[in-house]
Each structure stands twice: as C-alpha cells, then as structure tokens.
C-alpha cells in the first residue's frame, strides 16, 4: 500500500515531491470526472459509447495539462535529494 501512496503522491506534487502542484491535482480531478461522466452517460442514460469522441476529449485534456505543465516548468522548485539512510556497516 505504501508504494501506491508514493505513486499518487508523486503524481500530484511538483519536481520536489513535497509541494502540491495545482495543475496536476486539477488534471487528476478532471480526468476522474471525465471518466465518471462517460460511465454515467453510457450506463445510466443508456447512450451509445462513441470511442472517437471519448479519445478526442481525452486528447484535449492531456494536451491542455501538458501545455500548462510546460509553461510553469521553469517556476517549479528543484528536485530534492532523497534522504540518506543510516547504513549499519557492522562492527568496526
């Protein structure tokens, strides 16, 4: 479970894996909403699923998020170095 938490944390934080990134958070929220509304339309409203329109919508979301991340890439804090662990080297 810890590995999944790390994956989700790194997906919504900046390069430093500490500060939350508003663009990545909105992308995750918008992507989940996009899939949820598609499922609602197909399953509850019984509309036909159009794969081409779904892919067009997903492409617009991904393109917009990529452009936003590209525009703000120079303002992100630099990546942090991973913490050094105390290594037990045994008896000296």
N, C-alpha and C. Protein backbone atom coordinates (compact mmCIF):
# COMPACT_ATOMS: atom_id res chain seq x y z
N UNK A 1 0.81 -1.19 0.00
CA UNK A 1 0.00 0.00 0.00
C UNK A 1 0.86 1.26 0.00
N UNK A 2 1.99 1.20 0.66
CA UNK A 2 2.88 2.35 0.71
C UNK A 2 3.37 2.73 -0.69
N UNK A 3 3.56 1.74 -1.55
CA UNK A 3 4.02 2.01 -2.91
C UNK A 3 2.97 2.79 -3.70
N UNK A 4 1.70 2.45 -3.53
CA UNK A 4 0.63 3.17 -4.22
C UNK A 4 0.53 4.60 -3.70
N UNK A 5 0.70 4.78 -2.40
CA UNK A 5 0.65 6.13 -1.84
C UNK A 5 1.77 6.97 -2.43
N UNK A 6 2.94 6.42 -2.60
CA UNK A 6 4.06 7.13 -3.18
C UNK A 6 3.76 7.47 -4.64
N UNK A 7 3.15 6.58 -5.37
CA UNK A 7 2.82 6.84 -6.77
C UNK A 7 1.82 7.97 -6.88
N UNK A 8 0.77 7.94 -6.07
CA UNK A 8 -0.23 9.01 -6.11
C UNK A 8 0.36 10.33 -5.64
N UNK A 9 1.22 10.26 -4.61
CA UNK A 9 1.84 11.49 -4.12
C UNK A 9 2.72 12.10 -5.18
N UNK A 10 3.51 11.29 -5.86
CA UNK A 10 4.39 11.83 -6.89
C UNK A 10 3.61 12.30 -8.12
N UNK A 11 2.39 11.80 -8.30
CA UNK A 11 1.58 12.22 -9.44
C UNK A 11 0.99 13.61 -9.26
N UNK A 12 0.79 14.05 -8.01
CA UNK A 12 0.16 15.34 -7.80
C UNK A 12 1.09 16.37 -7.16
N UNK A 13 2.36 16.04 -7.01
CA UNK A 13 3.31 17.00 -6.46
C UNK A 13 4.27 17.45 -7.55
N UNK A 14 4.99 18.52 -7.26
CA UNK A 14 5.96 19.05 -8.22
C UNK A 14 7.23 18.21 -8.29
N UNK A 15 8.26 18.78 -8.87
CA UNK A 15 9.53 18.06 -9.03
C UNK A 15 10.15 17.67 -7.71
N UNK A 16 9.87 18.46 -6.68
CA UNK A 16 10.48 18.18 -5.38
C UNK A 16 9.73 17.12 -4.58
N UNK A 17 8.60 16.62 -5.06
CA UNK A 17 7.77 15.61 -4.40
C UNK A 17 7.31 16.05 -3.01
N UNK A 18 7.26 17.35 -2.77
CA UNK A 18 6.80 17.86 -1.49
C UNK A 18 5.65 18.84 -1.70
N UNK A 19 5.84 19.83 -2.57
CA UNK A 19 4.82 20.85 -2.78
C UNK A 19 3.75 20.34 -3.73
N UNK A 20 2.50 20.56 -3.35
CA UNK A 20 1.39 20.13 -4.19
C UNK A 20 1.33 21.00 -5.44
N UNK A 21 1.07 20.36 -6.56
CA UNK A 21 1.02 21.07 -7.84
C UNK A 21 -0.44 21.18 -8.26
N UNK A 22 -0.92 22.40 -8.36
CA UNK A 22 -2.33 22.65 -8.66
C UNK A 22 -2.72 22.12 -10.04
N UNK A 23 -1.83 22.20 -11.02
CA UNK A 23 -2.14 21.70 -12.36
C UNK A 23 -2.31 20.19 -12.34
N UNK A 24 -1.43 19.49 -11.67
CA UNK A 24 -1.53 18.03 -11.61
C UNK A 24 -2.76 17.59 -10.80
N UNK A 25 -3.07 18.32 -9.74
CA UNK A 25 -4.27 17.97 -8.97
C UNK A 25 -5.53 18.16 -9.80
N UNK A 26 -5.62 19.29 -10.52
CA UNK A 26 -6.78 19.52 -11.37
C UNK A 26 -6.85 18.52 -12.52
N UNK A 27 -5.71 18.10 -13.05
CA UNK A 27 -5.71 17.08 -14.10
C UNK A 27 -6.27 15.77 -13.57
N UNK A 28 -5.85 15.36 -12.39
CA UNK A 28 -6.37 14.12 -11.81
C UNK A 28 -7.87 14.21 -11.54
N UNK A 29 -8.30 15.34 -11.00
CA UNK A 29 -9.72 15.54 -10.73
C UNK A 29 -10.54 15.60 -12.02
N UNK A 30 -10.03 16.31 -13.01
CA UNK A 30 -10.74 16.41 -14.29
C UNK A 30 -10.78 15.08 -15.01
N UNK A 31 -9.69 14.33 -14.97
CA UNK A 31 -9.67 13.01 -15.60
C UNK A 31 -10.67 12.05 -14.96
N UNK A 32 -10.73 12.06 -13.62
CA UNK A 32 -11.69 11.21 -12.93
C UNK A 32 -13.12 11.63 -13.24
N UNK A 33 -13.36 12.93 -13.31
CA UNK A 33 -14.69 13.43 -13.66
C UNK A 33 -15.06 13.06 -15.09
N UNK A 34 -14.10 13.16 -16.00
CA UNK A 34 -14.31 12.81 -17.40
C UNK A 34 -14.73 11.35 -17.54
N UNK A 35 -14.02 10.46 -16.88
CA UNK A 35 -14.36 9.03 -16.95
C UNK A 35 -15.68 8.77 -16.24
N UNK A 36 -15.90 9.41 -15.09
CA UNK A 36 -17.16 9.22 -14.36
C UNK A 36 -18.37 9.66 -15.16
N UNK A 37 -18.28 10.82 -15.80
CA UNK A 37 -19.41 11.29 -16.61
C UNK A 37 -19.64 10.42 -17.84
N UNK A 38 -18.56 9.87 -18.39
CA UNK A 38 -18.72 8.95 -19.52
C UNK A 38 -19.44 7.68 -19.08
N UNK A 39 -19.06 7.14 -17.92
CA UNK A 39 -19.75 5.96 -17.40
C UNK A 39 -21.21 6.27 -17.09
N UNK A 40 -21.48 7.44 -16.52
CA UNK A 40 -22.87 7.84 -16.25
C UNK A 40 -23.68 7.91 -17.54
N UNK A 41 -23.09 8.49 -18.57
CA UNK A 41 -23.80 8.64 -19.84
C UNK A 41 -24.12 7.28 -20.47
N UNK A 42 -23.17 6.36 -20.38
CA UNK A 42 -23.35 5.06 -21.04
C UNK A 42 -24.21 4.13 -20.21
N UNK A 43 -23.95 4.05 -18.90
CA UNK A 43 -24.63 3.05 -18.09
C UNK A 43 -26.01 3.50 -17.63
N UNK A 44 -26.17 4.72 -17.15
CA UNK A 44 -27.45 5.15 -16.60
C UNK A 44 -28.35 5.82 -17.63
N UNK A 45 -27.76 6.60 -18.49
CA UNK A 45 -28.56 7.28 -19.50
C UNK A 45 -28.74 6.42 -20.75
N UNK A 46 -28.02 5.31 -20.83
CA UNK A 46 -28.10 4.33 -21.91
C UNK A 46 -27.84 4.95 -23.28
N UNK A 47 -26.87 5.82 -23.33
CA UNK A 47 -26.44 6.40 -24.60
C UNK A 47 -25.35 5.51 -25.20
N UNK A 48 -25.18 5.59 -26.49
CA UNK A 48 -24.15 4.79 -27.16
C UNK A 48 -22.77 5.39 -26.86
N UNK A 49 -21.80 4.52 -26.61
CA UNK A 49 -20.44 4.97 -26.36
C UNK A 49 -19.76 5.25 -27.69
N UNK A 50 -19.25 6.45 -27.84
CA UNK A 50 -18.53 6.84 -29.05
C UNK A 50 -17.05 6.96 -28.70
N UNK A 51 -16.29 5.97 -29.09
CA UNK A 51 -14.87 5.93 -28.76
C UNK A 51 -14.09 7.09 -29.35
N UNK A 52 -14.47 7.53 -30.53
CA UNK A 52 -13.76 8.65 -31.17
C UNK A 52 -13.94 9.94 -30.38
N UNK A 53 -15.16 10.23 -29.97
CA UNK A 53 -15.39 11.43 -29.16
C UNK A 53 -14.71 11.33 -27.80
N UNK A 54 -14.71 10.13 -27.22
CA UNK A 54 -14.03 9.93 -25.94
C UNK A 54 -12.53 10.23 -26.08
N UNK A 55 -11.92 9.70 -27.13
CA UNK A 55 -10.48 9.93 -27.35
C UNK A 55 -10.17 11.39 -27.67
N UNK A 56 -11.07 12.05 -28.39
CA UNK A 56 -10.87 13.48 -28.66
C UNK A 56 -10.89 14.28 -27.36
N UNK A 57 -11.84 13.98 -26.51
CA UNK A 57 -11.92 14.67 -25.22
C UNK A 57 -10.71 14.41 -24.35
N UNK A 58 -10.26 13.15 -24.30
CA UNK A 58 -9.08 12.81 -23.52
C UNK A 58 -7.84 13.50 -24.08
N UNK A 59 -7.74 13.58 -25.39
CA UNK A 59 -6.58 14.25 -26.01
C UNK A 59 -6.55 15.74 -25.68
N UNK A 60 -7.72 16.37 -25.64
CA UNK A 60 -7.78 17.78 -25.29
C UNK A 60 -7.34 17.98 -23.84
N UNK A 61 -7.80 17.12 -22.93
CA UNK A 61 -7.40 17.22 -21.53
C UNK A 61 -5.89 17.04 -21.37
N UNK A 62 -5.34 16.03 -22.00
CA UNK A 62 -3.91 15.75 -21.86
C UNK A 62 -3.07 16.85 -22.50
N UNK A 63 -3.50 17.35 -23.64
CA UNK A 63 -2.78 18.44 -24.30
C UNK A 63 -2.79 19.70 -23.45
N UNK A 64 -3.93 20.03 -22.90
CA UNK A 64 -4.03 21.21 -22.04
C UNK A 64 -3.16 21.09 -20.80
N UNK A 65 -3.17 19.92 -20.18
CA UNK A 65 -2.34 19.71 -18.99
C UNK A 65 -0.86 19.75 -19.34
N UNK A 66 -0.48 19.17 -20.46
CA UNK A 66 0.92 19.21 -20.88
C UNK A 66 1.38 20.62 -21.17
N UNK A 67 0.53 21.41 -21.79
CA UNK A 67 0.88 22.81 -22.07
C UNK A 67 1.02 23.59 -20.77
N UNK A 68 0.10 23.37 -19.83
CA UNK A 68 0.18 24.08 -18.55
C UNK A 68 1.43 23.69 -17.78
N UNK A 69 1.77 22.42 -17.78
CA UNK A 69 2.99 21.97 -17.09
C UNK A 69 4.24 22.52 -17.79
N UNK A 70 4.19 22.62 -19.10
CA UNK A 70 5.32 23.17 -19.84
C UNK A 70 5.53 24.64 -19.56
N UNK A 71 4.43 25.40 -19.46
CA UNK A 71 4.53 26.83 -19.19
C UNK A 71 5.09 27.12 -17.80
N UNK A 72 4.77 26.26 -16.84
CA UNK A 72 5.22 26.54 -15.48
C UNK A 72 6.45 25.73 -15.08
N UNK A 73 7.07 25.05 -16.01
CA UNK A 73 8.20 24.18 -15.66
C UNK A 73 9.39 24.94 -15.09
N UNK A 74 9.61 26.18 -15.52
CA UNK A 74 10.76 26.91 -15.02
C UNK A 74 10.51 27.54 -13.66
N UNK A 75 9.28 27.51 -13.17
CA UNK A 75 8.98 28.10 -11.86
C UNK A 75 8.88 27.05 -10.75
N UNK A 76 9.06 25.79 -11.07
CA UNK A 76 8.97 24.75 -10.05
C UNK A 76 10.25 24.71 -9.22
N UNK A 77 10.12 24.33 -7.93
CA UNK A 77 11.32 24.19 -7.12
C UNK A 77 12.15 23.01 -7.62
N UNK A 78 13.48 23.05 -7.42
CA UNK A 78 14.31 21.95 -7.89
C UNK A 78 14.02 20.67 -7.12
N UNK A 79 14.31 19.53 -7.74
CA UNK A 79 14.06 18.25 -7.05
C UNK A 79 14.91 18.13 -5.79
N UNK A 80 14.32 17.52 -4.78
CA UNK A 80 15.05 17.28 -3.53
C UNK A 80 15.87 16.00 -3.66
N UNK A 81 16.99 15.99 -2.97
CA UNK A 81 17.77 14.76 -2.92
C UNK A 81 17.09 13.83 -1.94
N UNK A 82 17.10 12.52 -2.24
CA UNK A 82 16.48 11.59 -1.30
C UNK A 82 17.26 11.58 0.01
N UNK A 83 16.56 11.41 1.14
CA UNK A 83 17.26 11.41 2.41
C UNK A 83 18.22 10.24 2.51
N UNK A 84 19.36 10.52 3.08
CA UNK A 84 20.35 9.45 3.26
C UNK A 84 19.97 8.63 4.47
N UNK A 85 20.00 7.34 4.29
CA UNK A 85 19.65 6.45 5.38
C UNK A 85 20.90 6.10 6.15
N UNK A 86 20.71 5.86 7.43
CA UNK A 86 21.83 5.41 8.24
C UNK A 86 22.11 3.96 7.90
N UNK A 87 23.26 3.71 7.38
CA UNK A 87 23.62 2.36 6.96
C UNK A 87 24.47 1.74 8.04
N UNK A 88 24.02 0.60 8.54
CA UNK A 88 24.78 -0.10 9.57
C UNK A 88 25.86 -0.90 8.87
N UNK A 89 27.05 -0.49 9.06
CA UNK A 89 28.18 -1.17 8.40
C UNK A 89 28.75 -2.29 9.26
N UNK A 90 28.12 -2.58 10.36
CA UNK A 90 28.61 -3.65 11.22
C UNK A 90 29.70 -3.16 12.15
N UNK A 91 30.31 -4.07 12.88
CA UNK A 91 31.36 -3.68 13.82
C UNK A 91 32.59 -3.16 13.09
N UNK A 92 33.22 -2.12 13.64
CA UNK A 92 34.38 -1.53 13.01
C UNK A 92 35.63 -2.26 13.39
